[in-house]
Protein backbone atom coordinates (compact mmCIF):
# COMPACT_ATOMS: atom_id res chain seq x y z
CA MET A 1 -0.98 17.97 12.82
CA THR A 2 -3.66 15.74 11.13
CA GLU A 3 -6.19 13.31 12.49
CA HIS A 4 -4.47 10.68 10.16
CA LEU A 5 -1.11 10.73 11.88
CA ILE A 6 -0.14 9.87 15.33
CA VAL A 7 3.26 11.26 16.50
CA ALA A 8 4.37 9.66 19.98
CA ASP A 9 7.74 10.21 21.70
CA GLU A 10 8.52 6.78 23.53
CA GLN A 11 11.66 7.29 25.68
CA ALA A 12 14.35 8.27 23.05
CA THR A 13 12.24 7.12 19.96
CA ARG A 14 9.74 9.29 17.95
CA VAL A 15 6.96 6.85 16.45
CA ILE A 16 5.36 8.31 13.49
CA THR A 17 2.19 6.17 12.89
CA LEU A 18 0.08 6.54 9.58
CA ARG A 19 -3.59 6.13 10.65
CA ARG A 20 -6.01 6.21 7.84
CA PRO A 21 -6.98 2.50 7.35
CA GLU A 22 -10.05 3.15 5.57
CA LYS A 23 -7.86 4.42 2.66
CA LYS A 24 -5.17 2.11 3.03
CA ASN A 25 -3.17 4.91 4.83
CA ALA A 26 -3.19 6.83 1.39
CA LEU A 27 -1.18 10.00 1.85
CA THR A 28 -2.85 13.48 1.87
CA GLN A 29 -1.12 16.73 1.78
CA GLY A 30 -2.03 17.21 5.45
CA MET A 31 -0.23 13.75 6.16
CA TYR A 32 2.83 14.86 4.41
CA ARG A 33 3.06 18.20 6.34
CA ALA A 34 2.53 16.41 9.54
CA MET A 35 5.35 13.76 8.82
CA SER A 36 7.68 16.68 7.81
CA ASP A 37 7.14 18.48 11.10
CA ALA A 38 7.60 15.39 13.16
CA ILE A 39 10.93 14.82 11.32
CA ASP A 40 11.96 18.41 11.28
CA THR A 41 11.23 19.09 15.09
CA ALA A 42 13.40 16.12 15.89
CA GLN A 43 16.45 17.24 14.29
CA ASN A 44 17.62 19.72 17.13
CA ASN A 45 16.07 17.71 19.87
CA PRO A 46 18.84 15.69 21.80
CA ASP A 47 16.20 13.52 23.53
CA ILE A 48 15.08 12.03 20.24
CA ARG A 49 17.65 9.47 19.03
CA CYS A 50 15.71 7.39 16.62
CA LEU A 51 12.71 7.62 14.45
CA ILE A 52 10.21 4.88 13.49
CA ILE A 53 7.75 5.15 10.56
CA THR A 54 4.93 2.61 10.46
CA GLY A 55 1.41 2.16 9.01
CA GLY A 56 0.21 -0.27 11.78
CA SER A 57 -0.77 -3.91 11.23
CA GLY A 58 -1.74 -4.96 7.85
CA VAL A 59 -0.75 -1.99 5.49
CA PHE A 60 1.87 0.69 5.13
CA THR A 61 0.60 2.96 2.73
CA ALA A 62 -0.90 2.78 -0.80
CA GLY A 63 1.11 5.96 -1.67
CA ASN A 64 -0.58 9.43 -2.80
CA ASP A 65 -4.17 9.87 -2.49
CA LEU A 66 -5.02 10.60 -5.94
CA ASP A 67 -8.26 12.51 -5.25
CA ASP A 68 -6.45 14.67 -2.86
CA PHE A 69 -3.38 15.07 -5.20
CA LEU A 70 -5.67 16.21 -8.03
CA THR A 71 -8.32 18.38 -6.16
CA SER A 72 -6.83 21.53 -7.79
CA GLY A 73 -6.96 20.23 -11.21
CA ARG A 74 -3.78 19.47 -13.30
CA PRO A 75 -0.72 20.53 -11.16
CA SER A 76 1.72 23.00 -12.55
CA VAL A 77 5.32 22.62 -12.17
CA ASP A 78 5.37 25.31 -9.53
CA THR A 79 2.60 23.82 -7.44
CA VAL A 80 4.06 20.37 -7.44
CA MET A 81 7.54 21.94 -6.64
CA ALA A 82 5.89 23.59 -3.73
CA SER A 83 4.02 20.58 -2.58
CA ASN A 84 3.89 19.12 0.90
CA ALA A 85 5.11 15.80 -0.56
CA VAL A 86 8.22 17.43 -1.89
CA LYS A 87 8.86 19.35 1.59
CA PHE A 88 8.48 15.75 3.16
CA LEU A 89 11.09 14.37 0.79
CA HIS A 90 13.40 17.20 1.62
CA SER A 91 12.92 16.60 5.28
CA LEU A 92 13.91 12.94 4.74
CA ALA A 93 17.10 14.04 2.85
CA HIS A 94 18.29 16.52 5.43
CA ASN A 95 17.33 14.16 8.50
CA VAL A 96 20.23 13.34 10.61
CA LYS A 97 18.52 10.82 12.87
CA PRO A 98 18.25 7.08 12.21
CA ILE A 99 14.84 6.19 10.54
CA ILE A 100 13.59 2.56 10.86
CA ALA A 101 10.43 1.72 8.73
CA ALA A 102 7.95 -1.01 9.78
CA VAL A 103 6.10 -2.31 6.60
CA ASP A 104 3.32 -4.56 7.29
CA GLY A 105 1.20 -4.95 3.97
CA VAL A 106 1.25 -2.73 0.75
CA ALA A 107 3.74 -0.08 0.26
CA VAL A 108 2.85 1.69 -2.92
CA GLY A 109 4.58 4.68 -4.73
CA MET A 110 5.97 6.90 -1.98
CA GLY A 111 5.32 3.91 0.40
CA THR A 112 8.32 2.31 -1.22
CA THR A 113 10.53 5.19 -2.36
CA MET A 114 10.61 6.76 1.18
CA LEU A 115 12.13 3.44 2.37
CA PHE A 116 15.28 4.35 0.49
CA HIS A 117 15.73 7.24 2.89
CA CYS A 118 15.37 4.88 5.82
CA ASP A 119 18.33 3.19 7.57
CA TYR A 120 16.69 0.07 8.72
CA VAL A 121 13.72 -1.67 7.19
CA LEU A 122 11.41 -4.41 8.75
CA ALA A 123 8.82 -6.09 6.58
CA SER A 124 6.22 -8.64 7.28
CA LYS A 125 5.84 -11.70 5.09
CA THR A 126 2.69 -10.14 3.51
CA ALA A 127 4.44 -6.79 2.44
CA THR A 128 4.65 -5.90 -1.06
CA PHE A 129 6.50 -3.12 -2.73
CA SER A 130 5.58 -1.29 -6.03
CA THR A 131 6.19 1.91 -7.90
CA PRO A 132 3.69 2.21 -10.78
CA PHE A 133 4.68 5.60 -11.80
CA VAL A 134 5.24 4.94 -15.54
CA SER A 135 2.00 3.00 -15.97
CA LEU A 136 0.29 6.34 -14.94
CA GLY A 137 2.45 8.14 -17.53
CA LEU A 138 4.80 9.70 -14.87
CA VAL A 139 8.33 9.37 -13.78
CA PRO A 140 10.05 8.28 -10.49
CA GLU A 141 10.04 10.41 -7.55
CA GLY A 142 11.66 10.80 -4.04
CA ALA A 143 15.22 10.65 -5.53
CA SER A 144 14.23 6.87 -6.23
CA SER A 145 16.09 7.02 -9.76
CA LEU A 146 19.26 7.97 -7.63
CA LEU A 147 18.87 5.68 -4.57
CA MET A 148 17.35 2.52 -6.03
CA PRO A 149 19.92 1.62 -8.56
CA ARG A 150 22.55 2.45 -5.89
CA THR A 151 21.14 0.02 -3.48
CA MET A 152 19.74 -2.95 -5.76
CA GLY A 153 21.45 -2.44 -9.10
CA HIS A 154 20.19 -0.91 -12.43
CA GLN A 155 18.26 -4.12 -13.51
CA ARG A 156 16.17 -4.49 -10.46
CA ALA A 157 15.54 -0.80 -10.38
CA PHE A 158 14.45 -0.85 -13.95
CA SER A 159 12.19 -3.77 -13.20
CA MET A 160 10.52 -1.85 -10.46
CA LEU A 161 10.54 1.97 -11.35
CA VAL A 162 10.02 1.45 -15.21
CA MET A 163 8.29 -1.89 -15.70
CA GLY A 164 6.15 -1.47 -12.48
CA ARG A 165 7.10 -4.99 -11.11
CA THR A 166 6.11 -5.72 -7.63
CA MET A 167 8.40 -7.24 -5.06
CA ASP A 168 7.44 -9.25 -2.18
CA ALA A 169 9.12 -9.09 1.18
CA ASP A 170 11.77 -11.84 0.46
CA GLU A 171 12.60 -10.43 -2.85
CA ALA A 172 13.00 -6.85 -1.19
CA ARG A 173 15.32 -8.40 1.36
CA GLU A 174 17.34 -9.98 -1.41
CA ALA A 175 17.46 -6.78 -3.11
CA GLY A 176 18.88 -5.10 -0.11
CA PHE A 177 16.46 -2.51 0.80
CA VAL A 178 14.73 -4.77 3.55
CA ASN A 179 16.90 -5.85 6.52
CA VAL A 180 14.51 -8.48 8.08
CA VAL A 181 11.32 -10.30 7.33
CA VAL A 182 9.03 -11.04 10.28
CA ALA A 183 5.64 -12.58 10.86
CA PRO A 184 2.58 -10.31 9.92
CA GLY A 185 1.75 -8.15 12.96
CA HIS A 186 5.06 -8.06 14.30
CA THR A 187 6.87 -5.34 12.48
CA GLU A 188 6.23 -2.61 14.97
CA ALA A 189 7.49 -4.60 18.01
CA GLU A 190 10.77 -5.56 15.96
CA ALA A 191 11.07 -1.98 15.10
CA ARG A 192 11.08 -0.74 18.67
CA LYS A 193 13.74 -3.38 19.54
CA ALA A 194 15.97 -2.07 16.66
CA ALA A 195 15.35 1.48 18.01
CA ARG A 196 16.48 0.42 21.51
CA ASP A 197 19.49 -1.12 20.03
CA ILE A 198 20.50 2.11 18.20
CA CYS A 199 19.68 4.28 21.08
CA ALA A 200 21.91 2.17 23.39
CA LEU A 201 25.05 3.02 21.15
CA PRO A 202 26.96 6.29 21.43
CA ALA A 203 25.02 9.03 19.94
CA GLU A 204 27.88 10.85 18.23
CA GLY A 205 29.37 7.77 16.65
CA VAL A 206 26.11 6.82 15.25
CA ALA A 207 25.64 10.23 13.79
CA ILE A 208 29.06 10.47 12.04
CA SER A 209 28.99 6.87 10.75
CA ARG A 210 25.34 7.50 9.43
CA ARG A 211 26.67 10.49 7.68
CA LEU A 212 29.51 8.76 6.14
CA LEU A 213 27.19 5.88 4.84
CA ARG A 214 24.83 8.34 3.03
CA LEU A 215 25.04 10.31 0.14
CA PRO A 216 25.33 14.20 0.83
CA PRO A 217 21.90 15.76 1.34
CA GLU A 218 22.42 18.20 -1.56
CA ASP A 219 22.80 15.36 -3.95
CA MET A 220 19.48 13.81 -2.89
CA THR A 221 17.71 17.19 -3.10
CA ARG A 222 19.11 17.97 -6.40
CA ARG A 223 17.67 14.83 -7.74
CA ILE A 224 14.43 15.31 -5.93
CA ASP A 225 13.89 18.56 -7.49
CA GLN A 226 15.01 17.38 -10.89
CA GLU A 227 12.40 14.38 -10.67
CA THR A 228 9.84 16.75 -9.37
CA HIS A 229 10.09 19.13 -12.31
CA LEU A 230 9.74 16.15 -14.96
CA PHE A 231 6.96 14.55 -12.80
CA ALA A 232 4.98 18.00 -12.90
CA GLU A 233 5.56 18.20 -16.65
CA ARG A 234 4.31 14.67 -17.07
CA MET A 235 1.22 15.27 -15.07
CA ARG A 236 0.11 17.48 -18.07
CA SER A 237 1.05 14.87 -20.75
CA LYS A 238 -1.65 13.21 -22.87
CA GLU A 239 -0.20 9.73 -21.62
CA ALA A 240 -0.84 10.67 -17.87
CA VAL A 241 -4.15 12.39 -18.60
CA ALA A 242 -5.36 9.12 -20.31
CA ALA A 243 -3.91 6.82 -17.75
CA PHE A 244 -5.70 8.81 -14.88
CA LYS A 245 -8.85 8.89 -16.64
CA ALA A 246 -8.83 4.98 -17.00
CA PHE A 247 -7.68 4.77 -13.45
CA PHE A 248 -10.73 6.69 -12.14
CA ALA A 249 -13.04 4.78 -14.47
CA ARG A 250 -11.96 1.57 -12.85
CA LYS A 251 -12.48 2.95 -9.48
CA LYS A 252 -16.15 3.79 -10.35
CA GLU A 253 -16.67 0.36 -11.48
CA GLU A 254 -15.26 -1.23 -8.33
């Protein structure tokens, strides 16, 4: 477990809370590892009927902590393929329990792509969604190249994944990956209400219906691994090296 993640079981719901507000909940390898563990250990626990992922009030997550991600230098294909982020994505793909996301504030990169593995998404009016992979010389991750066009259509997915356009909460609801938009500070409470509704339904009926609605896990993990291989190759490209240098130079000036 990590100090930057809180996992609490509330009756039949496991609540996974990102807690690194000073860094806008930027995700470290330790946080990915802890989230994977929280998801994996719920799979064969009949007492856990539903999962909630939240960043608390004001922020969901700013995506990967780039300093943490790059501490070992330019990652190779092998190290990226074995990373805790990829293990987390595999945990999402193989998860059989309904997942609710409560997004209050920014959801960048993985903060957006993980939502397409969730079953019900609540967003506050201040929520924003962005996937700036290509601007960093990279490619989409998290099976987003498979799941986002399937959810919102090719044109919207292209706008987000390739052009890097940001969506607000209302646009995300119109695009189909946000269910309900609520007032700031209310996403967690509404997520708990949705979880209670799900937990009140017949468990086997929910599990079978969810499985029918979703793509087979092997389809998602195949795309995750394909994206990851290309992502690792792109990390070593001249475009990505230049983009990261420019990014860190801007951070120093801030």
